[in-house]
Amino acid sequence: MTTTTKQKNITAQDVADLAGVSRAAVSRTFSNRGSVSKEARAKVLKAAKALNYQVNVLAQSLNRQRSDLV
């Protein structure tokens, strides 16, 4: 019998907590909207890499109310 472990989805809040920045700073880093300092951007990218974070495109499209599929 094999057991599978369900892995927790890594959220932008998880990245923010590890990087020591706000959730908004994480959002601005990945959306390239708004301003974020070079230091904060570096912290976010380092934390995202450590956590293997990937932007949830479905959630992003729901939030923006457009899918960009066409």
Protein backbone atom coordinates (compact mmCIF):
# COMPACT_ATOMS: atom_id res chain seq x y z
CA MET A 1 0.00 0.00 0.00
CA THR A 2 1.32 3.40 -0.90
CA THR A 3 0.66 6.58 0.93
CA THR A 4 0.52 9.94 -0.67
CA THR A 5 1.16 13.17 1.08
CA LYS A 6 -0.83 16.19 0.13
CA GLN A 7 1.52 19.10 -0.25
CA LYS A 8 0.32 22.49 0.95
CA ASN A 9 -0.11 25.10 -1.74
CA ILE A 10 2.40 27.86 -1.18
CA THR A 11 0.70 31.24 -1.10
CA ALA A 12 1.95 34.76 -1.61
CA GLN A 13 1.42 35.26 2.12
CA ASP A 14 3.87 32.41 2.80
CA VAL A 15 6.42 34.16 0.59
CA ALA A 16 5.78 37.48 2.35
CA ASP A 17 6.22 35.90 5.77
CA LEU A 18 9.53 34.26 4.83
CA ALA A 19 10.83 37.38 3.09
CA GLY A 20 9.76 39.67 5.93
CA VAL A 21 7.78 41.95 3.63
CA SER A 22 4.10 42.72 3.12
CA ARG A 23 1.76 40.65 0.98
CA ALA A 24 1.37 43.74 -1.21
CA ALA A 25 5.13 43.82 -1.86
CA VAL A 26 4.96 40.22 -3.09
CA SER A 27 2.06 41.10 -5.38
CA ARG A 28 3.85 44.15 -6.78
CA THR A 29 6.99 42.11 -7.37
CA PHE A 30 5.24 39.49 -9.49
CA SER A 31 2.78 41.75 -11.28
CA ASN A 32 5.31 44.50 -12.11
CA ARG A 33 2.71 47.05 -10.99
CA GLY A 34 3.49 49.69 -8.43
CA SER A 35 6.83 50.30 -6.83
CA VAL A 36 8.93 47.93 -4.78
CA SER A 37 12.46 48.56 -3.57
CA LYS A 38 15.37 46.57 -4.97
CA GLU A 39 15.98 45.10 -1.51
CA ALA A 40 12.36 43.99 -1.08
CA ARG A 41 12.27 42.56 -4.61
CA ALA A 42 15.43 40.55 -3.92
CA LYS A 43 13.99 39.22 -0.63
CA VAL A 44 10.74 38.22 -2.34
CA LEU A 45 12.47 36.44 -5.21
CA LYS A 46 14.81 34.61 -2.81
CA ALA A 47 11.89 33.48 -0.61
CA ALA A 48 9.82 32.45 -3.64
CA LYS A 49 12.67 30.33 -4.94
CA ALA A 50 13.23 28.73 -1.54
CA LEU A 51 9.53 27.83 -1.28
CA ASN A 52 9.23 26.86 -4.96
CA TYR A 53 6.42 29.41 -5.28
CA GLN A 54 4.54 29.72 -8.55
CA VAL A 55 1.95 32.39 -9.27
CA ASN A 56 -1.54 30.87 -9.37
CA VAL A 57 -2.71 32.07 -12.77
CA LEU A 58 -6.30 30.95 -12.18
CA ALA A 59 -6.56 32.95 -8.96
CA GLN A 60 -4.89 35.90 -10.63
CA SER A 61 -7.35 35.88 -13.52
CA LEU A 62 -10.30 35.68 -11.12
CA ASN A 63 -8.97 38.65 -9.20
CA ARG A 64 -8.42 40.69 -12.37
CA GLN A 65 -11.74 39.50 -13.81
CA ARG A 66 -10.10 38.55 -17.10
CA SER A 67 -8.32 35.43 -18.27
CA ASP A 68 -6.03 36.75 -21.03
CA LEU A 69 -6.67 33.50 -22.90
CA VAL A 70 -7.62 35.19 -26.15
